[in-house]
Amino acid sequence: MYTISNGYRSLSLLVGLNWDRVLFVAVIFGALMAGAHLGTVL
């Protein structure tokens, strides 16, 4: 049980530190998808 809680704590710390990078990648991916959609419509 201790190992599971310790692993979960380190995982949440990793997500907390890298949340801005994940958001940055998601925004860029969304912008690329929007650009591809506009490119096919126009």
N, C-alpha and C. Protein backbone atom coordinates (compact mmCIF):
# COMPACT_ATOMS: atom_id res chain seq x y z
N MET A 1 0.83 -1.20 0.00
CA MET A 1 0.00 0.00 0.00
C MET A 1 0.87 1.26 0.00
N TYR A 2 1.98 1.20 0.72
CA TYR A 2 2.86 2.36 0.78
C TYR A 2 3.46 2.66 -0.59
N THR A 3 3.82 1.60 -1.33
CA THR A 3 4.42 1.78 -2.65
C THR A 3 3.41 2.41 -3.61
N ILE A 4 2.16 1.99 -3.52
CA ILE A 4 1.13 2.55 -4.41
C ILE A 4 0.92 4.03 -4.11
N SER A 5 0.82 4.38 -2.83
CA SER A 5 0.59 5.79 -2.49
C SER A 5 1.81 6.64 -2.82
N ASN A 6 3.00 6.09 -2.64
CA ASN A 6 4.22 6.83 -2.97
C ASN A 6 4.32 7.04 -4.48
N GLY A 7 4.00 6.03 -5.27
CA GLY A 7 4.01 6.17 -6.73
C GLY A 7 2.98 7.16 -7.20
N TYR A 8 1.80 7.15 -6.56
CA TYR A 8 0.76 8.09 -6.93
C TYR A 8 1.18 9.52 -6.63
N ARG A 9 1.86 9.71 -5.50
CA ARG A 9 2.31 11.05 -5.12
C ARG A 9 3.34 11.57 -6.12
N SER A 10 4.28 10.70 -6.53
CA SER A 10 5.29 11.14 -7.50
C SER A 10 4.65 11.39 -8.86
N LEU A 11 3.63 10.60 -9.23
CA LEU A 11 2.94 10.82 -10.50
C LEU A 11 2.19 12.15 -10.48
N SER A 12 1.54 12.46 -9.37
CA SER A 12 0.82 13.73 -9.30
C SER A 12 1.79 14.91 -9.30
N LEU A 13 2.96 14.74 -8.71
CA LEU A 13 3.97 15.80 -8.75
C LEU A 13 4.47 16.00 -10.18
N LEU A 14 4.68 14.90 -10.90
CA LEU A 14 5.14 14.98 -12.28
C LEU A 14 4.09 15.67 -13.15
N VAL A 15 2.83 15.32 -12.95
CA VAL A 15 1.76 15.96 -13.72
C VAL A 15 1.67 17.44 -13.35
N GLY A 16 1.84 17.76 -12.08
CA GLY A 16 1.80 19.16 -11.66
C GLY A 16 2.91 19.98 -12.28
N LEU A 17 4.08 19.39 -12.44
CA LEU A 17 5.20 20.12 -13.02
C LEU A 17 5.07 20.25 -14.53
N ASN A 18 4.49 19.25 -15.18
CA ASN A 18 4.44 19.25 -16.64
C ASN A 18 3.09 19.65 -17.19
N TRP A 19 2.18 20.17 -16.34
CA TRP A 19 0.83 20.49 -16.81
C TRP A 19 0.87 21.59 -17.87
N ASP A 20 1.76 22.58 -17.71
CA ASP A 20 1.83 23.66 -18.69
C ASP A 20 2.34 23.14 -20.03
N ARG A 21 3.24 22.17 -20.01
CA ARG A 21 3.73 21.60 -21.28
C ARG A 21 2.64 20.81 -21.98
N VAL A 22 1.85 20.06 -21.21
CA VAL A 22 0.75 19.30 -21.80
C VAL A 22 -0.26 20.25 -22.42
N LEU A 23 -0.57 21.33 -21.71
CA LEU A 23 -1.51 22.32 -22.22
C LEU A 23 -0.97 22.99 -23.49
N PHE A 24 0.32 23.27 -23.50
CA PHE A 24 0.96 23.89 -24.67
C PHE A 24 0.85 22.98 -25.89
N VAL A 25 1.13 21.70 -25.71
CA VAL A 25 1.04 20.75 -26.82
C VAL A 25 -0.41 20.61 -27.29
N ALA A 26 -1.35 20.59 -26.35
CA ALA A 26 -2.77 20.47 -26.71
C ALA A 26 -3.24 21.69 -27.50
N VAL A 27 -2.81 22.87 -27.12
CA VAL A 27 -3.21 24.08 -27.83
C VAL A 27 -2.61 24.09 -29.24
N ILE A 28 -1.37 23.70 -29.37
CA ILE A 28 -0.75 23.65 -30.71
C ILE A 28 -1.45 22.62 -31.58
N PHE A 29 -1.77 21.46 -31.01
CA PHE A 29 -2.46 20.42 -31.77
C PHE A 29 -3.84 20.91 -32.21
N GLY A 30 -4.55 21.58 -31.30
CA GLY A 30 -5.87 22.12 -31.65
C GLY A 30 -5.79 23.18 -32.74
N ALA A 31 -4.76 24.00 -32.69
CA ALA A 31 -4.59 25.02 -33.72
C ALA A 31 -4.27 24.39 -35.07
N LEU A 32 -3.46 23.34 -35.07
CA LEU A 32 -3.16 22.65 -36.33
C LEU A 32 -4.41 21.98 -36.91
N MET A 33 -5.22 21.39 -36.04
CA MET A 33 -6.45 20.76 -36.52
C MET A 33 -7.43 21.81 -37.05
N ALA A 34 -7.51 22.95 -36.38
CA ALA A 34 -8.40 24.02 -36.86
C ALA A 34 -7.92 24.56 -38.20
N GLY A 35 -6.60 24.71 -38.35
CA GLY A 35 -6.05 25.17 -39.62
C GLY A 35 -6.28 24.18 -40.74
N ALA A 36 -6.16 22.88 -40.43
CA ALA A 36 -6.42 21.87 -41.46
C ALA A 36 -7.90 21.86 -41.84
N HIS A 37 -8.77 22.06 -40.88
CA HIS A 37 -10.20 22.10 -41.18
C HIS A 37 -10.53 23.31 -42.05
N LEU A 38 -9.98 24.46 -41.70
CA LEU A 38 -10.22 25.65 -42.51
C LEU A 38 -9.62 25.50 -43.91
N GLY A 39 -8.49 24.82 -44.01
CA GLY A 39 -7.88 24.60 -45.31
C GLY A 39 -8.73 23.72 -46.22
N THR A 40 -9.43 22.77 -45.65
CA THR A 40 -10.28 21.92 -46.47
C THR A 40 -11.60 22.61 -46.81
N VAL A 41 -12.08 23.49 -45.96
CA VAL A 41 -13.36 24.16 -46.21
C VAL A 41 -13.18 25.27 -47.25
N LEU A 42 -12.09 26.00 -47.16
CA LEU A 42 -11.93 27.15 -48.06
C LEU A 42 -11.41 26.77 -49.42
